[in-house]
Amino acid sequence: MNKENMEPPRDTKSQPRPKGGLITMPSIFANEICEKLAVVGFQTNMISYLTQQLHMPLTKAANTLTNFSGTSSLTPLLGAFIADSYAGKFWTITIASVVYQIGMISLTTSAILPKLRPAPGQEASGSQLAVLYLSLFLAALGSGGIRPCVVAFGAEQFDESDPKQKNVTWKYFNWYYFAMGASILVAVTVVVYIQDNVGWGWGLGIPTFLMLLSIITFVVGYRYYRHLDPSGSPFTRLVQVCIAAYKKRKMSMVNDPKLLYENEELDASISSYGKLIHTKQLLFLDKAAIVSEEDNTKAPNLWKLNTVHRVEELKSVIRMGPIWASGIILITAYAQQSTFSLQQAKTMDRHLTTSFQIPAGLDRGITFLHRMGIGFVISVLATLVAGFVEIKRKQVALAHGLVNNSSATIPISVFWLVPQYGLHGVAEAFMSIGHLEFFYDQAPESMRSTATALFWTSISFGNYLSSMLVSTIHKVSAAKDGSNWLPDDNINKGKLEYFYWLITLLQVINLVYYLICAKFYTFKPVQLQIKDEDDKSVEGLELGSRV
């Protein structure tokens, strides 16, 4: 009897424990918090490091920073390709984090060793800049593997075919952004304060240590994670559909979409949650799924014949394009908060008490398309307000005779900048969560790292556009008397308010564009494989819309 009574527990122990779920969240969020503390602490006050330690002119430093941010947001395409095609998300995140760690160690070392910094009054030499650019390149490369994978990897810990877990997935995005925002708040206050008041060795050393801690916490959770195998290159599949459609461009379209090629076995690895249903947009691509006499339907040549699911993958990506592009201008506006707005803050009175002053770096802070639209509107108000605040700041400087003194503290509280920073933070919160949810929901399931990379590429192009605008305005607005909208040496003599209002105008145009795109956007329909209460699969049809 005793033996029989003991057998059931032993059998239960032998059963494999399901992976994923809420148990993985502490490791993932701990990684995200430490990583954000490191990355934001590394980047937020970088404009001060470039101008004060390496003695770069302001416009050159601003462009260096925005170009670095742009590159960091462009490399996620490479990271997403590697994760979705070959390595999987876990190993991509781990290896990329190590690369980022090396970049931070290199930059911290350059901040500590005097030989790697220029002498007072001199600009950085070529070799000193080489160390800086190598460090930034490694950091940008590391970001490429972290950014597109962390969000998608966390969301994958919940089984979308289980209705109970599917709702948790969308709550995860809100908690993810909350954790990210909280860690950013600490980074731009505590870490930046250390950089300004203790030293750059400690100021960069702490983020470097936190990055190491983030790697350890992430790897520790390995055995609890839900690991999905990479399903092959999504870019190859997209190209195959294009080539197949082109080869069959002269064939007549079938009258009934049900006659288009379907192969559930072939698509099994890329449609585990459900297959995409045929839509009536971009019908010329449907020719890739027309079966001809030459096609072998049992073992098709995918460069000549594709399934409806694969054709709809390409359609989904194309449909997301206009919404993706609308986010570029918002990032261009937001990029100024870590460059020119930071320089504004440094000229203002930042004291909370007689002995304590806050650091110059401040923090940036319904559903889907509505949430994104709200973010766009608030961002317009943010840059509009920023222009009026700059006018007020210069009026105070003029009244106290400080216009020609670029290093003087103007007797106006830094809290005048709170409205523009606050509005930008709220706008970015609405936009970022909405954008992430949009890409994750509307992308084909086998391309979710790639879709998250699209979120970062919009940030990349926004930063590059910011650099282009700064360089163009600096060149075009230069007058013979030496005046400039964006001067290199004395922001008090500039016309920064004009630059802010130019961005405001661009954002208004972009808002109209976005509203048109959102009005005509078609959400992807999916035939889902849903588990019922008895864990049996039943089919259902769902539009991937959460508006």
Protein backbone atom coordinates (compact mmCIF):
# COMPACT_ATOMS: atom_id res chain seq x y z
CA MET A 1 0.00 0.00 0.00
CA ASN A 2 2.76 2.40 0.88
CA LYS A 3 4.51 1.69 -2.39
CA GLU A 4 1.32 2.24 -4.38
CA ASN A 5 0.60 5.46 -2.51
CA MET A 6 4.06 6.80 -3.30
CA GLU A 7 3.98 6.07 -7.04
CA PRO A 8 1.66 8.90 -8.18
CA PRO A 9 3.93 11.66 -6.81
CA ARG A 10 6.91 10.02 -8.54
CA ASP A 11 5.00 9.95 -11.85
CA THR A 12 4.06 13.59 -11.39
CA LYS A 13 7.67 14.53 -10.82
CA SER A 14 8.69 12.82 -14.05
CA GLN A 15 6.32 14.95 -16.10
CA PRO A 16 8.03 17.94 -17.75
CA ARG A 17 7.09 21.29 -16.27
CA PRO A 18 5.56 23.66 -18.84
CA LYS A 19 7.91 26.52 -19.57
CA GLY A 20 7.14 30.19 -19.83
CA GLY A 21 4.42 32.11 -18.06
CA LEU A 22 4.63 34.53 -15.16
CA ILE A 23 7.54 32.69 -13.53
CA THR A 24 9.87 34.04 -16.24
CA MET A 25 8.91 37.67 -15.72
CA PRO A 26 11.28 38.42 -12.78
CA SER A 27 14.33 37.47 -14.88
CA ILE A 28 13.10 39.30 -17.97
CA PHE A 29 12.09 42.46 -16.11
CA ALA A 30 15.26 42.41 -13.98
CA ASN A 31 17.24 42.24 -17.22
CA GLU A 32 15.22 45.06 -18.76
CA ILE A 33 15.53 47.31 -15.68
CA CYS A 34 19.30 46.83 -15.37
CA GLU A 35 19.78 47.18 -19.13
CA LYS A 36 17.75 50.40 -19.26
CA LEU A 37 19.58 51.85 -16.25
CA ALA A 38 22.82 51.10 -18.08
CA VAL A 39 21.83 52.28 -21.55
CA VAL A 40 19.99 55.44 -20.48
CA GLY A 41 22.62 56.29 -17.88
CA PHE A 42 25.15 55.84 -20.67
CA GLN A 43 23.34 57.98 -23.26
CA THR A 44 21.31 60.64 -21.42
CA ASN A 45 24.18 62.88 -20.38
CA MET A 46 26.46 61.96 -23.30
CA ILE A 47 26.05 65.45 -24.81
CA SER A 48 27.76 66.84 -21.70
CA TYR A 49 30.58 64.30 -21.97
CA LEU A 50 31.20 65.16 -25.62
CA THR A 51 31.18 68.94 -25.09
CA GLN A 52 32.87 69.14 -21.67
CA GLN A 53 35.32 66.23 -21.72
CA LEU A 54 36.10 65.90 -25.44
CA HIS A 55 35.50 69.62 -26.16
CA MET A 56 33.32 69.05 -29.24
CA PRO A 57 31.36 71.98 -30.73
CA LEU A 58 27.69 71.77 -29.76
CA THR A 59 26.28 71.00 -33.22
CA LYS A 60 28.95 68.34 -33.85
CA ALA A 61 28.26 66.76 -30.47
CA ALA A 62 24.49 66.84 -31.08
CA ASN A 63 24.91 65.15 -34.46
CA THR A 64 27.31 62.57 -33.03
CA LEU A 65 24.75 61.68 -30.40
CA THR A 66 21.78 61.53 -32.77
CA ASN A 67 23.81 59.54 -35.33
CA PHE A 68 24.73 57.07 -32.59
CA SER A 69 21.07 56.84 -31.55
CA GLY A 70 20.09 56.39 -35.19
CA THR A 71 22.62 53.62 -35.76
CA SER A 72 21.59 51.93 -32.49
CA SER A 73 18.02 51.90 -33.76
CA LEU A 74 18.94 50.66 -37.25
CA THR A 75 21.04 47.66 -36.21
CA PRO A 76 17.94 45.91 -34.75
CA LEU A 77 17.11 44.85 -38.32
CA LEU A 78 20.28 42.76 -38.30
CA GLY A 79 19.58 41.44 -34.81
CA ALA A 80 16.00 40.54 -35.72
CA PHE A 81 17.14 38.72 -38.86
CA ILE A 82 19.63 36.63 -36.86
CA ALA A 83 17.10 35.88 -34.11
CA ASP A 84 14.20 34.93 -36.41
CA SER A 85 16.36 32.99 -38.87
CA TYR A 86 19.15 31.23 -37.01
CA ALA A 87 20.06 31.87 -33.37
CA GLY A 88 16.71 32.38 -31.66
CA LYS A 89 15.91 35.27 -29.34
CA PHE A 90 17.63 34.05 -26.15
CA TRP A 91 21.08 33.60 -27.64
CA THR A 92 20.78 36.76 -29.73
CA ILE A 93 20.00 38.81 -26.60
CA THR A 94 22.81 37.17 -24.62
CA ILE A 95 25.55 37.60 -27.22
CA ALA A 96 24.44 41.16 -28.08
CA SER A 97 24.51 42.09 -24.40
CA VAL A 98 28.12 40.93 -24.15
CA VAL A 99 29.04 43.07 -27.18
CA TYR A 100 27.33 46.08 -25.60
CA GLN A 101 29.20 45.37 -22.36
CA ILE A 102 32.55 45.51 -24.19
CA GLY A 103 31.60 48.88 -25.72
CA MET A 104 30.74 50.29 -22.30
CA ILE A 105 33.97 49.00 -20.76
CA SER A 106 35.89 50.70 -23.58
CA LEU A 107 34.13 54.04 -23.05
CA THR A 108 34.50 53.87 -19.27
CA THR A 109 38.21 53.20 -19.67
CA SER A 110 38.55 56.25 -21.94
CA ALA A 111 36.84 58.38 -19.26
CA ILE A 112 39.27 57.19 -16.58
CA LEU A 113 42.61 57.31 -18.44
CA PRO A 114 43.87 60.90 -19.01
CA LYS A 115 45.68 59.91 -22.23
CA LEU A 116 42.35 59.12 -23.86
CA ARG A 117 40.97 62.62 -23.19
CA PRO A 118 42.14 65.92 -24.72
CA ALA A 119 43.97 68.59 -22.72
CA PRO A 120 41.91 71.59 -21.50
CA GLY A 121 41.08 73.96 -24.35
CA GLN A 122 41.86 71.40 -27.08
CA GLU A 123 39.52 69.24 -29.14
CA ALA A 124 39.90 65.46 -29.06
CA SER A 125 42.58 64.04 -31.35
CA GLY A 126 41.92 61.49 -34.08
CA SER A 127 43.01 58.56 -31.90
CA GLN A 128 40.87 59.76 -28.98
CA LEU A 129 37.85 60.08 -31.25
CA ALA A 130 38.62 56.61 -32.67
CA VAL A 131 38.25 55.12 -29.18
CA LEU A 132 34.98 57.01 -28.73
CA TYR A 133 33.56 55.90 -32.09
CA LEU A 134 34.65 52.28 -31.57
CA SER A 135 32.93 52.26 -28.18
CA LEU A 136 29.77 53.76 -29.63
CA PHE A 137 29.85 51.31 -32.57
CA LEU A 138 30.05 48.30 -30.23
CA ALA A 139 27.22 49.74 -28.14
CA ALA A 140 25.13 50.30 -31.27
CA LEU A 141 25.85 46.76 -32.49
CA GLY A 142 24.89 45.32 -29.12
CA SER A 143 21.67 47.32 -29.11
CA GLY A 144 20.79 45.70 -32.42
CA GLY A 145 20.46 42.30 -30.79
CA ILE A 146 18.80 43.45 -27.57
CA ARG A 147 16.12 45.88 -28.69
CA PRO A 148 14.13 43.80 -31.22
CA CYS A 149 14.21 40.62 -29.15
CA VAL A 150 13.57 41.50 -25.50
CA VAL A 151 9.97 42.67 -25.98
CA ALA A 152 9.05 39.80 -28.31
CA PHE A 153 10.85 37.22 -26.13
CA GLY A 154 8.88 38.36 -23.08
CA ALA A 155 5.57 38.24 -24.96
CA GLU A 156 6.38 34.74 -26.24
CA GLN A 157 6.40 33.44 -22.68
CA PHE A 158 2.59 33.44 -22.90
CA ASP A 159 0.72 30.96 -25.12
CA GLU A 160 -1.57 32.94 -27.45
CA SER A 161 -3.61 29.83 -28.24
CA ASP A 162 -4.69 29.80 -24.60
CA PRO A 163 -7.40 32.49 -24.09
CA LYS A 164 -6.40 32.90 -20.43
CA GLN A 165 -2.80 33.73 -21.32
CA LYS A 166 -3.54 35.80 -24.40
CA ASN A 167 -5.01 38.63 -22.34
CA VAL A 168 -1.90 38.58 -20.15
CA THR A 169 0.23 39.25 -23.23
CA TRP A 170 -1.28 42.70 -23.71
CA LYS A 171 -0.94 43.54 -20.01
CA TYR A 172 2.71 42.56 -20.37
CA PHE A 173 3.31 45.44 -22.79
CA ASN A 174 2.01 47.96 -20.25
CA TRP A 175 4.09 46.48 -17.43
CA TYR A 176 7.10 46.34 -19.73
CA TYR A 177 6.83 50.04 -20.48
CA PHE A 178 6.23 50.85 -16.80
CA ALA A 179 9.41 48.98 -15.80
CA MET A 180 11.31 50.70 -18.58
CA GLY A 181 10.02 54.13 -17.52
CA ALA A 182 10.83 53.58 -13.84
CA SER A 183 14.38 52.52 -14.63
CA ILE A 184 14.82 55.49 -16.99
CA LEU A 185 13.67 57.82 -14.19
CA VAL A 186 16.39 56.49 -11.89
CA ALA A 187 18.98 56.68 -14.68
CA VAL A 188 18.33 60.32 -15.56
CA THR A 189 18.36 61.43 -11.93
CA VAL A 190 20.75 59.28 -9.87
CA VAL A 191 23.19 58.22 -12.60
CA VAL A 192 23.30 61.65 -14.27
CA TYR A 193 23.79 63.32 -10.88
CA ILE A 194 26.80 61.09 -10.26
CA GLN A 195 28.22 61.97 -13.67
CA ASP A 196 27.84 65.70 -13.05
CA ASN A 197 28.94 65.83 -9.42
CA VAL A 198 31.14 62.78 -8.67
CA GLY A 199 32.91 62.08 -11.95
CA TRP A 200 32.63 60.35 -15.30
CA GLY A 201 34.62 57.34 -14.15
CA TRP A 202 31.91 56.48 -11.62
CA GLY A 203 29.17 57.88 -13.86
CA LEU A 204 29.99 55.45 -16.67
CA GLY A 205 31.31 52.68 -14.41
CA ILE A 206 27.96 52.21 -12.67
CA PRO A 207 26.02 51.67 -15.95
CA THR A 208 28.78 49.26 -17.04
CA PHE A 209 28.33 47.21 -13.85
CA LEU A 210 24.53 47.30 -14.23
CA MET A 211 24.85 45.97 -17.77
CA LEU A 212 26.86 43.03 -16.44
CA LEU A 213 24.18 42.46 -13.81
CA SER A 214 21.48 42.46 -16.50
CA ILE A 215 23.30 39.72 -18.42
CA ILE A 216 23.60 37.55 -15.31
CA THR A 217 19.93 37.91 -14.33
CA PHE A 218 18.81 37.08 -17.87
CA VAL A 219 20.97 33.97 -18.23
CA VAL A 220 19.95 32.67 -14.79
CA GLY A 221 16.36 32.28 -16.00
CA TYR A 222 17.34 30.10 -18.98
CA ARG A 223 15.71 26.85 -17.82
CA TYR A 224 12.39 28.58 -17.12
CA TYR A 225 11.99 30.27 -20.50
CA ARG A 226 9.74 29.17 -23.30
CA HIS A 227 12.11 28.81 -26.27
CA LEU A 228 10.61 28.92 -29.77
CA ASP A 229 12.79 27.61 -32.58
CA PRO A 230 13.70 30.10 -35.35
CA SER A 231 11.57 29.46 -38.43
CA GLY A 232 13.98 30.50 -41.17
CA SER A 233 14.67 33.84 -42.75
CA PRO A 234 11.49 35.96 -42.98
CA PHE A 235 13.20 38.19 -45.52
CA THR A 236 13.79 35.21 -47.83
CA ARG A 237 10.09 34.32 -47.67
CA LEU A 238 9.10 37.89 -48.55
CA VAL A 239 11.46 37.92 -51.52
CA GLN A 240 10.19 34.51 -52.67
CA VAL A 241 6.63 35.84 -52.79
CA CYS A 242 7.74 38.86 -54.83
CA ILE A 243 9.68 36.71 -57.31
CA ALA A 244 6.86 34.17 -57.65
CA ALA A 245 4.28 36.93 -58.21
CA TYR A 246 6.52 38.54 -60.84
CA LYS A 247 7.07 35.25 -62.69
CA LYS A 248 3.30 34.69 -62.86
CA ARG A 249 2.38 38.32 -63.60
CA LYS A 250 0.88 37.37 -67.00
CA MET A 251 -1.39 34.64 -65.59
CA SER A 252 -5.07 35.39 -65.14
CA MET A 253 -6.31 35.85 -61.58
CA VAL A 254 -8.51 33.04 -60.25
CA ASN A 255 -12.17 33.88 -59.65
CA ASP A 256 -12.36 32.19 -56.25
CA PRO A 257 -9.65 32.82 -53.59
CA LYS A 258 -10.26 29.27 -52.34
CA LEU A 259 -8.44 28.06 -55.46
CA LEU A 260 -5.21 29.70 -54.31
CA TYR A 261 -2.52 27.38 -52.97
CA GLU A 262 -2.72 26.24 -49.34
CA ASN A 263 -0.36 23.84 -47.56
CA GLU A 264 -0.80 23.60 -43.79
CA GLU A 265 2.12 21.19 -43.39
CA LEU A 266 4.49 23.54 -45.20
CA ASP A 267 3.33 26.52 -43.09
CA ALA A 268 3.19 24.66 -39.76
CA SER A 269 6.41 26.17 -38.38
CA ILE A 270 5.33 29.74 -39.17
CA SER A 271 1.66 29.53 -38.20
CA SER A 272 1.57 27.75 -34.85
CA TYR A 273 -1.02 30.21 -33.48
CA GLY A 274 -3.12 30.36 -36.63
CA LYS A 275 -2.87 30.96 -40.36
CA LEU A 276 -3.45 34.25 -42.12
CA ILE A 277 -6.65 34.53 -44.16
CA HIS A 278 -6.80 35.89 -47.70
CA THR A 279 -7.48 39.63 -47.97
CA LYS A 280 -8.62 41.69 -50.95
CA GLN A 281 -5.80 44.23 -50.85
CA LEU A 282 -2.65 44.08 -53.01
CA LEU A 283 -4.25 41.42 -55.21
CA PHE A 284 -1.34 41.37 -57.67
CA LEU A 285 0.64 39.48 -55.01
CA ASP A 286 -1.97 36.69 -55.04
CA LYS A 287 -0.49 35.48 -58.31
CA ALA A 288 2.34 33.97 -56.27
CA ALA A 289 -0.27 31.47 -54.93
CA ILE A 290 -1.81 30.53 -58.30
CA VAL A 291 -1.13 26.89 -59.14
CA SER A 292 0.10 26.33 -62.71
CA GLU A 293 0.53 23.06 -64.60
CA GLU A 294 4.29 23.17 -63.93
CA ASP A 295 3.96 23.48 -60.15
CA ASN A 296 4.50 20.51 -57.83
CA THR A 297 1.96 21.08 -55.05
CA LYS A 298 3.42 18.35 -52.82
CA ALA A 299 6.96 19.79 -52.82
CA PRO A 300 6.64 23.28 -54.33
CA ASN A 301 9.50 25.46 -55.51
CA LEU A 302 8.88 28.49 -53.28
CA TRP A 303 10.48 30.80 -55.84
CA LYS A 304 7.56 29.89 -58.15
CA LEU A 305 4.67 28.96 -55.87
CA ASN A 306 3.75 30.21 -52.38
CA THR A 307 0.91 29.61 -49.98
CA VAL A 308 -1.77 32.16 -49.15
CA HIS A 309 -0.30 32.45 -45.64
CA ARG A 310 3.10 33.51 -47.03
CA VAL A 311 1.52 35.96 -49.44
CA GLU A 312 -0.45 37.49 -46.58
CA GLU A 313 2.76 37.80 -44.55
CA LEU A 314 4.10 40.16 -47.20
CA LYS A 315 0.79 42.03 -47.39
CA SER A 316 0.84 42.53 -43.60
CA VAL A 317 4.33 44.02 -43.73
CA ILE A 318 3.40 46.36 -46.59
CA ARG A 319 0.23 47.51 -44.82
CA MET A 320 2.24 48.40 -41.70
CA GLY A 321 4.60 50.61 -43.73
CA PRO A 322 2.63 53.91 -43.71
CA ILE A 323 1.86 53.67 -39.97
CA TRP A 324 5.54 52.89 -39.34
CA ALA A 325 6.66 55.97 -41.29
CA SER A 326 4.40 58.27 -39.29
CA GLY A 327 6.48 57.72 -36.16
CA ILE A 328 9.66 59.20 -37.64
CA ILE A 329 8.81 62.88 -37.12
CA LEU A 330 7.81 62.32 -33.48
CA ILE A 331 11.25 60.85 -32.78
CA THR A 332 12.86 63.80 -34.57
CA ALA A 333 11.05 66.12 -32.16
CA TYR A 334 11.90 63.99 -29.15
CA ALA A 335 15.59 63.79 -30.10
CA GLN A 336 16.02 67.46 -29.16
CA GLN A 337 15.33 66.65 -25.49
CA SER A 338 18.76 65.02 -25.15
CA THR A 339 20.62 67.70 -27.10
CA PHE A 340 19.47 71.34 -27.24
CA SER A 341 16.96 71.07 -24.35
CA LEU A 342 19.74 69.67 -22.19
CA GLN A 343 21.90 72.66 -23.09
CA GLN A 344 18.99 74.95 -22.15
CA ALA A 345 18.82 73.25 -18.76
CA LYS A 346 22.52 73.76 -18.14
CA THR A 347 22.15 77.56 -18.50
CA MET A 348 19.29 77.68 -15.97
CA ASP A 349 19.09 77.60 -12.18
CA ARG A 350 18.80 73.91 -11.24
CA HIS A 351 18.86 74.27 -7.43
CA LEU A 352 16.18 72.64 -5.31
CA THR A 353 17.91 73.90 -2.16
CA THR A 354 20.98 76.03 -1.57
CA SER A 355 23.18 72.91 -1.53
CA PHE A 356 21.47 70.54 -3.98
CA GLN A 357 20.76 70.99 -7.66
CA ILE A 358 19.07 68.47 -9.94
CA PRO A 359 20.97 67.11 -12.94
CA ALA A 360 20.27 68.67 -16.31
CA GLY A 361 18.99 65.41 -17.83
CA LEU A 362 15.25 65.04 -17.14
CA ASP A 363 12.93 62.05 -17.76
CA ARG A 364 10.64 61.36 -20.60
CA GLY A 365 7.91 60.10 -19.04
CA ILE A 366 -6.31 54.01 -26.47
CA THR A 367 -4.89 51.27 -27.55
CA PHE A 368 -3.20 50.87 -30.86
CA LEU A 369 -4.02 53.52 -33.46
CA HIS A 370 -6.01 55.72 -31.04
CA ARG A 371 -3.18 55.65 -28.52
CA MET A 372 -0.64 56.53 -31.20
CA GLY A 373 -2.81 59.40 -32.45
CA ILE A 374 -3.02 60.88 -28.96
CA GLY A 375 0.76 60.69 -28.74
CA PHE A 376 1.13 62.64 -31.99
CA VAL A 377 -1.20 65.42 -30.82
CA ILE A 378 0.59 65.82 -27.47
CA SER A 379 3.98 65.88 -29.21
CA VAL A 380 2.83 68.82 -31.34
CA LEU A 381 1.95 70.72 -28.17
CA ALA A 382 5.33 69.81 -26.61
CA THR A 383 7.47 71.43 -29.32
CA LEU A 384 5.10 74.41 -29.54
CA VAL A 385 5.50 75.01 -25.79
CA ALA A 386 9.28 74.47 -26.03
CA GLY A 387 9.58 77.46 -28.37
CA PHE A 388 7.79 79.81 -25.96
CA VAL A 389 9.89 78.58 -23.02
CA GLU A 390 13.06 79.37 -25.00
CA ILE A 391 11.80 82.91 -25.63
CA LYS A 392 11.19 83.34 -21.88
CA ARG A 393 14.68 82.00 -21.05
CA LYS A 394 16.37 84.46 -23.43
CA GLN A 395 14.28 87.37 -22.15
CA VAL A 396 15.58 86.70 -18.62
CA ALA A 397 19.13 86.42 -19.95
CA LEU A 398 18.75 89.78 -21.74
CA ALA A 399 17.26 91.46 -18.67
CA HIS A 400 20.27 90.43 -16.57
CA GLY A 401 22.89 91.17 -19.23
CA LEU A 402 23.92 87.55 -19.63
CA VAL A 403 23.29 87.04 -23.35
CA ASN A 404 27.00 87.18 -24.20
CA ASN A 405 28.05 84.96 -21.30
CA SER A 406 27.51 81.36 -22.41
CA SER A 407 28.74 79.85 -19.14
CA ALA A 408 26.67 81.98 -16.77
CA THR A 409 23.69 80.58 -14.88
CA ILE A 410 20.60 82.53 -15.89
CA PRO A 411 18.31 83.32 -12.90
CA ILE A 412 15.36 81.33 -14.23
CA SER A 413 14.30 78.01 -12.73
CA VAL A 414 14.95 74.84 -14.71
CA PHE A 415 11.36 73.89 -13.88
CA TRP A 416 10.28 76.08 -16.80
CA LEU A 417 11.37 73.10 -18.91
CA VAL A 418 9.03 70.71 -17.07
CA PRO A 419 6.03 71.36 -19.41
CA GLN A 420 7.92 70.43 -22.57
CA TYR A 421 9.65 67.44 -20.95
CA GLY A 422 6.38 66.32 -19.38
CA LEU A 423 4.44 66.61 -22.64
CA HIS A 424 7.18 64.78 -24.54
CA GLY A 425 7.17 62.06 -21.89
CA VAL A 426 3.39 61.57 -22.11
CA ALA A 427 3.50 61.66 -25.92
CA GLU A 428 6.30 59.12 -26.04
CA ALA A 429 4.47 56.85 -23.57
CA PHE A 430 1.32 56.82 -25.69
CA MET A 431 3.26 56.40 -28.91
CA SER A 432 5.75 53.75 -27.77
CA ILE A 433 3.21 51.37 -26.22
CA GLY A 434 0.82 51.82 -29.13
CA HIS A 435 3.59 51.33 -31.68
CA LEU A 436 4.95 48.20 -29.96
CA GLU A 437 1.49 46.65 -29.65
CA PHE A 438 0.72 47.53 -33.25
CA PHE A 439 3.83 45.87 -34.65
CA TYR A 440 3.54 42.80 -32.42
CA ASP A 441 -0.14 42.26 -33.19
CA GLN A 442 -0.14 43.06 -36.89
CA ALA A 443 3.10 41.33 -37.87
CA PRO A 444 3.11 37.67 -38.96
CA GLU A 445 3.94 35.53 -35.92
CA SER A 446 7.22 34.30 -37.46
CA MET A 447 8.41 37.89 -37.93
CA ARG A 448 7.80 39.44 -34.51
CA SER A 449 11.45 40.21 -33.81
CA THR A 450 11.60 41.79 -37.25
CA ALA A 451 8.43 43.75 -36.51
CA THR A 452 9.88 45.03 -33.25
CA ALA A 453 12.97 46.02 -35.24
CA LEU A 454 10.68 48.17 -37.41
CA PHE A 455 9.74 50.08 -34.26
CA TRP A 456 13.42 50.81 -33.68
CA THR A 457 14.11 51.68 -37.32
CA SER A 458 11.50 54.45 -37.11
CA ILE A 459 13.51 55.76 -34.15
CA SER A 460 16.65 55.40 -36.25
CA PHE A 461 15.30 57.42 -39.15
CA GLY A 462 13.91 59.99 -36.72
CA ASN A 463 17.37 60.51 -35.25
CA TYR A 464 19.00 60.69 -38.68
CA LEU A 465 16.37 63.20 -39.78
CA SER A 466 17.16 65.22 -36.65
CA SER A 467 20.85 65.25 -37.56
CA MET A 468 20.02 66.33 -41.10
CA LEU A 469 17.73 69.11 -39.85
CA VAL A 470 20.29 70.38 -37.35
CA SER A 471 23.07 70.43 -39.97
CA THR A 472 20.86 72.05 -42.61
CA ILE A 473 19.44 74.73 -40.29
CA HIS A 474 22.90 75.45 -38.88
CA LYS A 475 24.22 75.98 -42.41
CA VAL A 476 21.25 77.82 -43.94
CA SER A 477 20.65 80.17 -40.97
CA ALA A 478 24.30 81.27 -40.72
CA ALA A 479 24.55 85.02 -41.38
CA LYS A 480 27.56 87.16 -42.27
CA ASP A 481 27.53 88.77 -38.82
CA GLY A 482 28.05 85.34 -37.24
CA SER A 483 24.47 84.89 -36.00
CA ASN A 484 22.83 81.48 -36.32
CA TRP A 485 19.63 79.73 -35.25
CA LEU A 486 21.78 76.98 -33.71
CA PRO A 487 25.13 78.50 -32.70
CA ASP A 488 28.04 76.30 -31.66
CA ASP A 489 29.30 78.34 -28.73
CA ASN A 490 26.46 80.36 -27.18
CA ILE A 491 22.87 79.15 -27.24
CA ASN A 492 21.72 82.51 -25.83
CA LYS A 493 22.45 84.17 -29.19
CA GLY A 494 20.56 81.59 -31.22
CA LYS A 495 16.99 81.24 -32.43
CA LEU A 496 16.23 77.83 -30.97
CA GLU A 497 12.54 78.74 -30.75
CA TYR A 498 12.37 78.96 -34.56
CA PHE A 499 13.85 75.46 -34.80
CA TYR A 500 11.26 74.10 -32.35
CA TRP A 501 8.42 75.72 -34.29
CA LEU A 502 9.73 74.30 -37.57
CA ILE A 503 9.52 70.85 -36.02
CA THR A 504 6.00 71.72 -34.78
CA LEU A 505 4.92 72.49 -38.36
CA LEU A 506 6.42 69.22 -39.61
CA GLN A 507 4.54 67.35 -36.88
CA VAL A 508 1.20 68.93 -37.84
CA ILE A 509 1.72 67.77 -41.44
CA ASN A 510 2.70 64.33 -40.15
CA LEU A 511 -0.43 64.17 -37.95
CA VAL A 512 -2.69 64.74 -40.97
CA TYR A 513 -0.77 62.03 -42.84
CA TYR A 514 -1.18 59.62 -39.93
CA LEU A 515 -4.92 60.20 -39.63
CA ILE A 516 -5.35 59.36 -43.32
CA CYS A 517 -3.25 56.19 -42.94
CA ALA A 518 -5.15 55.09 -39.82
CA LYS A 519 -8.50 55.72 -41.50
CA PHE A 520 -7.77 53.33 -44.36
CA TYR A 521 -5.67 50.73 -42.54
CA THR A 522 -6.82 47.10 -42.92
CA PHE A 523 -6.19 44.77 -39.97
CA LYS A 524 -4.92 41.27 -40.62
CA PRO A 525 -7.47 38.45 -40.28
CA VAL A 526 -6.21 35.26 -38.64
CA GLN A 527 -7.75 31.81 -38.40
CA LEU A 528 -6.70 30.93 -34.84
CA GLN A 529 -6.06 27.58 -33.24
CA ILE A 530 -7.56 28.18 -29.79
CA LYS A 531 -7.46 25.80 -26.83
CA ASP A 532 -10.74 25.17 -25.06
CA GLU A 533 -11.08 24.28 -21.39
CA ASP A 534 -10.16 20.65 -22.13
CA ASP A 535 -7.00 21.75 -24.01
CA LYS A 536 -8.55 20.72 -27.32
CA SER A 537 -7.87 22.89 -30.35
CA VAL A 538 -10.79 24.65 -31.98
CA GLU A 539 -10.70 27.04 -34.89
CA GLY A 540 -11.77 30.65 -34.72
CA LEU A 541 -11.49 33.78 -36.83
CA GLU A 542 -10.09 36.98 -35.40
CA LEU A 543 -9.16 40.37 -36.78
CA GLY A 544 -5.82 41.43 -35.34
CA SER A 545 -7.29 44.74 -34.21
CA ARG A 546 -7.22 46.22 -30.75
CA VAL A 547 -8.45 49.68 -31.58
